[in-house]
Structure formats: structure tokens, C-alpha cells
N, C-alpha and C. Protein backbone atom coordinates (compact mmCIF):
# COMPACT_ATOMS: atom_id res chain seq x y z
N MET A 1 105.12 99.59 103.50
CA MET A 1 105.95 98.63 104.18
C MET A 1 105.49 97.23 103.79
N SER A 2 106.45 96.36 103.50
CA SER A 2 106.10 94.97 103.23
C SER A 2 105.69 94.28 104.53
N GLU A 3 105.05 93.14 104.39
CA GLU A 3 104.59 92.41 105.56
C GLU A 3 105.77 92.03 106.45
N PRO A 4 105.70 92.31 107.76
CA PRO A 4 106.83 91.99 108.63
C PRO A 4 107.04 90.48 108.74
N HIS A 5 108.29 90.09 108.85
CA HIS A 5 108.62 88.68 109.01
C HIS A 5 109.90 88.54 109.83
N VAL A 6 110.10 87.35 110.35
CA VAL A 6 111.28 87.05 111.16
C VAL A 6 112.15 86.07 110.38
N THR A 7 113.44 86.39 110.31
CA THR A 7 114.43 85.50 109.70
C THR A 7 115.47 85.19 110.77
N LEU A 8 115.67 83.92 111.04
CA LEU A 8 116.64 83.51 112.05
C LEU A 8 118.04 83.43 111.45
N ASP A 9 119.02 83.83 112.21
CA ASP A 9 120.42 83.75 111.81
C ASP A 9 120.87 82.30 111.98
N PRO A 10 121.16 81.61 110.90
CA PRO A 10 121.52 80.19 111.03
C PRO A 10 122.82 79.95 111.80
N SER A 11 123.69 80.94 111.86
CA SER A 11 124.96 80.74 112.57
C SER A 11 124.76 80.61 114.07
N GLY A 12 123.64 81.09 114.59
CA GLY A 12 123.39 81.03 116.02
C GLY A 12 122.48 79.89 116.43
N LEU A 13 122.16 78.98 115.50
CA LEU A 13 121.23 77.91 115.80
C LEU A 13 121.96 76.58 116.03
N SER A 14 121.46 75.83 116.97
CA SER A 14 121.96 74.47 117.18
C SER A 14 121.48 73.61 116.01
N PRO A 15 122.08 72.45 115.82
CA PRO A 15 121.62 71.57 114.74
C PRO A 15 120.13 71.22 114.86
N ALA A 16 119.65 71.02 116.07
CA ALA A 16 118.23 70.70 116.27
C ALA A 16 117.36 71.87 115.84
N LEU A 17 117.73 73.09 116.23
CA LEU A 17 116.94 74.26 115.84
C LEU A 17 117.06 74.54 114.36
N GLU A 18 118.23 74.26 113.79
CA GLU A 18 118.40 74.46 112.35
C GLU A 18 117.41 73.60 111.57
N SER A 19 117.17 72.39 112.05
CA SER A 19 116.23 71.51 111.35
C SER A 19 114.79 72.02 111.46
N LEU A 20 114.52 72.84 112.45
CA LEU A 20 113.18 73.40 112.67
C LEU A 20 113.07 74.86 112.22
N ARG A 21 114.11 75.35 111.59
CA ARG A 21 114.20 76.77 111.25
C ARG A 21 112.99 77.29 110.48
N GLY A 22 112.60 76.62 109.40
CA GLY A 22 111.47 77.09 108.59
C GLY A 22 110.18 77.22 109.38
N PRO A 23 109.73 76.15 110.06
CA PRO A 23 108.51 76.26 110.84
C PRO A 23 108.61 77.29 111.97
N LEU A 24 109.79 77.39 112.58
CA LEU A 24 109.97 78.36 113.66
C LEU A 24 109.89 79.78 113.13
N GLU A 25 110.53 80.04 111.98
CA GLU A 25 110.44 81.37 111.38
C GLU A 25 108.99 81.70 111.04
N GLU A 26 108.24 80.73 110.54
CA GLU A 26 106.84 80.98 110.20
C GLU A 26 106.02 81.29 111.45
N GLN A 27 106.25 80.55 112.54
CA GLN A 27 105.52 80.81 113.77
C GLN A 27 105.86 82.20 114.32
N LEU A 28 107.14 82.55 114.32
CA LEU A 28 107.55 83.87 114.81
C LEU A 28 106.99 84.98 113.92
N SER A 29 107.04 84.77 112.61
CA SER A 29 106.52 85.78 111.68
C SER A 29 105.02 85.95 111.84
N SER A 30 104.31 84.85 112.03
CA SER A 30 102.86 84.92 112.23
C SER A 30 102.53 85.71 113.49
N ALA A 31 103.27 85.45 114.57
CA ALA A 31 103.05 86.18 115.82
C ALA A 31 103.37 87.66 115.64
N LEU A 32 104.42 87.98 114.89
CA LEU A 32 104.78 89.38 114.63
C LEU A 32 103.71 90.07 113.79
N ARG A 33 103.20 89.40 112.77
CA ARG A 33 102.16 90.02 111.93
C ARG A 33 100.90 90.28 112.74
N ALA A 34 100.50 89.32 113.58
CA ALA A 34 99.30 89.50 114.41
C ALA A 34 99.52 90.65 115.41
N ALA A 35 100.71 90.70 116.00
CA ALA A 35 101.02 91.77 116.94
C ALA A 35 101.03 93.12 116.24
N THR A 36 101.59 93.16 115.04
CA THR A 36 101.62 94.40 114.27
C THR A 36 100.21 94.92 114.03
N GLU A 37 99.31 94.03 113.67
CA GLU A 37 97.93 94.43 113.43
C GLU A 37 97.26 94.94 114.71
N ARG A 38 97.47 94.24 115.83
CA ARG A 38 96.86 94.68 117.10
C ARG A 38 97.41 96.04 117.53
N VAL A 39 98.72 96.21 117.42
CA VAL A 39 99.34 97.48 117.84
C VAL A 39 98.90 98.60 116.90
N ARG A 40 98.87 98.32 115.59
CA ARG A 40 98.42 99.33 114.63
C ARG A 40 96.99 99.75 114.92
N ALA A 41 96.12 98.78 115.18
CA ALA A 41 94.71 99.07 115.43
C ALA A 41 94.51 99.89 116.71
N GLY A 42 95.39 99.68 117.69
CA GLY A 42 95.26 100.41 118.96
C GLY A 42 96.15 101.62 119.08
N TYR A 43 96.86 101.97 118.00
CA TYR A 43 97.80 103.09 118.07
C TYR A 43 97.06 104.40 118.31
N ALA A 44 97.53 105.13 119.33
CA ALA A 44 96.88 106.38 119.70
C ALA A 44 97.89 107.50 119.93
N GLY A 45 98.93 107.54 119.09
CA GLY A 45 99.88 108.64 119.17
C GLY A 45 101.05 108.42 120.11
N GLU A 46 101.25 107.22 120.61
CA GLU A 46 102.37 106.94 121.51
C GLU A 46 103.69 107.12 120.76
N PRO A 47 104.77 107.38 121.51
CA PRO A 47 106.08 107.51 120.87
C PRO A 47 106.57 106.16 120.34
N VAL A 48 107.49 106.21 119.40
CA VAL A 48 108.02 105.00 118.76
C VAL A 48 108.54 104.00 119.79
N GLU A 49 109.23 104.47 120.80
CA GLU A 49 109.80 103.57 121.80
C GLU A 49 108.72 102.75 122.48
N GLU A 50 107.61 103.38 122.81
CA GLU A 50 106.49 102.68 123.45
C GLU A 50 105.86 101.69 122.48
N VAL A 51 105.71 102.09 121.24
CA VAL A 51 105.14 101.20 120.22
C VAL A 51 106.05 99.99 120.05
N CYS A 52 107.34 100.19 120.04
CA CYS A 52 108.30 99.10 119.90
C CYS A 52 108.19 98.13 121.08
N ARG A 53 108.11 98.65 122.29
CA ARG A 53 107.97 97.80 123.48
C ARG A 53 106.66 97.01 123.42
N ARG A 54 105.59 97.67 123.02
CA ARG A 54 104.30 97.00 122.93
C ARG A 54 104.32 95.93 121.84
N LEU A 55 104.95 96.23 120.72
CA LEU A 55 105.06 95.27 119.63
C LEU A 55 105.80 94.01 120.09
N LEU A 56 106.88 94.18 120.83
CA LEU A 56 107.62 93.04 121.35
C LEU A 56 106.76 92.25 122.33
N ALA A 57 106.10 92.93 123.25
CA ALA A 57 105.26 92.24 124.24
C ALA A 57 104.12 91.49 123.56
N GLU A 58 103.48 92.11 122.59
CA GLU A 58 102.38 91.47 121.87
C GLU A 58 102.88 90.27 121.07
N THR A 59 104.05 90.38 120.47
CA THR A 59 104.60 89.26 119.71
C THR A 59 104.90 88.10 120.64
N ARG A 60 105.59 88.38 121.73
CA ARG A 60 105.90 87.31 122.69
C ARG A 60 104.62 86.70 123.25
N GLY A 61 103.60 87.52 123.46
CA GLY A 61 102.33 87.02 123.98
C GLY A 61 101.63 86.06 123.03
N GLY A 62 101.97 86.12 121.76
CA GLY A 62 101.36 85.24 120.77
C GLY A 62 102.14 83.95 120.55
N LEU A 63 103.17 83.74 121.34
CA LEU A 63 104.03 82.56 121.18
C LEU A 63 103.88 81.61 122.36
N HIS A 64 104.22 80.36 122.16
CA HIS A 64 104.30 79.41 123.27
C HIS A 64 105.32 79.99 124.26
N PRO A 65 105.08 79.86 125.56
CA PRO A 65 105.99 80.46 126.55
C PRO A 65 107.46 80.07 126.38
N ASP A 66 107.73 78.82 126.02
CA ASP A 66 109.12 78.41 125.83
C ASP A 66 109.78 79.11 124.65
N ILE A 67 109.02 79.30 123.59
CA ILE A 67 109.54 80.00 122.42
C ILE A 67 109.69 81.49 122.73
N ALA A 68 108.69 82.05 123.40
CA ALA A 68 108.74 83.47 123.76
C ALA A 68 109.95 83.79 124.62
N GLU A 69 110.26 82.89 125.55
CA GLU A 69 111.38 83.10 126.45
C GLU A 69 112.71 83.17 125.70
N GLY A 70 112.85 82.37 124.65
CA GLY A 70 114.09 82.35 123.89
C GLY A 70 114.13 83.32 122.72
N PHE A 71 113.03 84.04 122.51
CA PHE A 71 112.95 84.96 121.36
C PHE A 71 113.65 86.27 121.68
N THR A 72 114.78 86.52 121.04
CA THR A 72 115.54 87.76 121.22
C THR A 72 115.73 88.40 119.85
N PRO A 73 114.74 89.18 119.43
CA PRO A 73 114.81 89.76 118.08
C PRO A 73 115.83 90.88 117.99
N ASP A 74 116.18 91.20 116.76
CA ASP A 74 117.00 92.37 116.46
C ASP A 74 116.10 93.58 116.71
N MET A 75 116.37 94.31 117.78
CA MET A 75 115.48 95.40 118.17
C MET A 75 115.50 96.55 117.16
N ASP A 76 116.58 96.72 116.42
CA ASP A 76 116.58 97.74 115.38
C ASP A 76 115.52 97.41 114.33
N GLU A 77 115.44 96.14 113.96
CA GLU A 77 114.44 95.72 112.98
C GLU A 77 113.04 95.83 113.56
N PHE A 78 112.88 95.44 114.81
CA PHE A 78 111.57 95.53 115.46
C PHE A 78 111.11 96.99 115.51
N CYS A 79 112.03 97.88 115.82
CA CYS A 79 111.67 99.30 115.91
C CYS A 79 111.37 99.89 114.54
N ARG A 80 111.91 99.32 113.47
CA ARG A 80 111.54 99.77 112.12
C ARG A 80 110.05 99.50 111.87
N VAL A 81 109.57 98.37 112.37
CA VAL A 81 108.14 98.07 112.25
C VAL A 81 107.34 99.09 113.08
N ALA A 82 107.84 99.41 114.27
CA ALA A 82 107.16 100.40 115.12
C ALA A 82 107.11 101.76 114.43
N VAL A 83 108.19 102.16 113.80
CA VAL A 83 108.22 103.43 113.06
C VAL A 83 107.17 103.41 111.95
N ALA A 84 107.07 102.29 111.25
CA ALA A 84 106.07 102.18 110.18
C ALA A 84 104.66 102.30 110.74
N ILE A 85 104.42 101.77 111.93
CA ILE A 85 103.10 101.91 112.57
C ILE A 85 102.84 103.37 112.89
N VAL A 86 103.82 104.04 113.49
CA VAL A 86 103.67 105.45 113.86
C VAL A 86 103.44 106.32 112.62
N ARG A 87 104.09 105.99 111.54
CA ARG A 87 103.94 106.77 110.29
C ARG A 87 102.73 106.35 109.46
N HIS A 88 101.95 105.41 109.99
CA HIS A 88 100.77 104.89 109.30
C HIS A 88 101.12 104.24 107.96
N GLU A 89 102.30 103.60 107.92
CA GLU A 89 102.74 102.89 106.72
C GLU A 89 102.32 101.43 106.73
N VAL A 90 101.76 100.96 107.84
CA VAL A 90 101.29 99.59 107.94
C VAL A 90 99.81 99.60 107.64
N ARG A 91 99.43 98.82 106.65
CA ARG A 91 98.02 98.73 106.25
C ARG A 91 97.43 97.43 106.74
N HIS A 92 96.13 97.41 106.87
CA HIS A 92 95.47 96.16 107.26
C HIS A 92 94.77 95.54 106.09
């Protein structure tokens, strides 16, 4: 699996957020990568659904509260990362 990252849909961004898109994507991606590593390191056979929930919680926990509150990821994509963790396809 390639390194997980977040890409924001520009059609859903206000002009102000569009101007901050690059730095925001980097912050979200960094939080996702850190969460992926923590969840992978603590994985103990939980089902994919639980891993996906934990991955989301860990990612949001790594963000400023205002950013975390507005972060609504594509859960299908988030769960693909969880599947990769369960299948041991995520390396450290």
C-alpha cells in the first residue's frame, strides 16, 4: 500500500479554504499517516470496522479541534486503509 494521504475535493471548498488547500491537505495527510502507524502498531486482530473507527478517531485526535470538527473523510477510502492494516499491507 502506498502512503495514505488526504485529497480535498475543490468543488466543496469555499474560496478561503481553496487558498489553504495545499497546507490543509498536508496537515490532514500527516495526521492520517501518524494515525495509521499508531493503529497498525496496536492492531490485535480487531475487525475492519473497528480498525476504521479507530483510524478515524486517531486521525481526528491528531488535528486542531476546529479542523477535526470539520473533517468528514470519504469513509470508503478510510476503510481501505483499515483493510490494509488488517491485511498487514501497511509497513512502518
